[in-house]
Amino acid sequence: MKEAPEYINSLLPAGYTICGVRLRPFSLGSYILLLKSLSPFVDCNNPRMPIYEDLLYAVYVCSHTYEEGAELEYNIDKAKEWGKAFSEELYKEIDRFQKETGEKWDIESEYVGFAEYIRYQLRYPYYTVLDNDGKSSGAHHIQNILLTATSHLGYTRQEALNGPIKALLYDYIWYAEKNGLVELFDEDQIDIIRDMERRKVEGEKV
């Protein structure tokens, strides 16, 4: 079955529920907060496996706005209060699940689900970089994205930090293409790449 165009999917990302909590579309603000906490879900330089506290914080950040998440940085009492309430509700959910299904609840599946949520929504559109004489910005990539969005793409700072990052990345790469830095693939090229990726996952020869 043919999928909707990538850009349409970026505007309305697939929904995710982790540990019984419905997550907002992953945002630039959530990405910033997870990077600041050195979360192993997003920090490539942090090789350790996520633990319960990592998941707890990540679920809070990704189910609230950037402003609400940032408040936890300066309000430890609120962080502890939410963590306690979250754990209590989670234990109730686990108990209900096990009684209804007779199966043991698997926390590992929640870690996997959250990692998939991040991967799906951080995926850039398909593009190729054009020759720019080897020049590259020394600014952090998040700074480039945020300032491009607010200075050139019409986003307010709040919109850039809280809107779906998947859509923001599409707008960011569109702007780069407009300025001759990259070339976006068309839908036919994307269909070919998707088919190759599917076949690779299924173990077929590409």
Foldseek 3Di string as FASTA:
>chain_A
DDDDPLLVCLQVPDWDAFLNATFDQDALLLLVLCVVVVQPLRNPVDPDDDDPVSLLLSRVSRRDASVVSVVCVVCVVVVVVSSVVSVVVSVVVQVVVCVVPVDHDDNVVSSVRVSVSVVRQPDAADKAFDDPVPDDDPDDVSVLLQCCCVPPVPDDSRCRGGHRVSNSRHVSVVVCVVVVGMGGDDPVVVVVVVVVVVCVVVVHDD
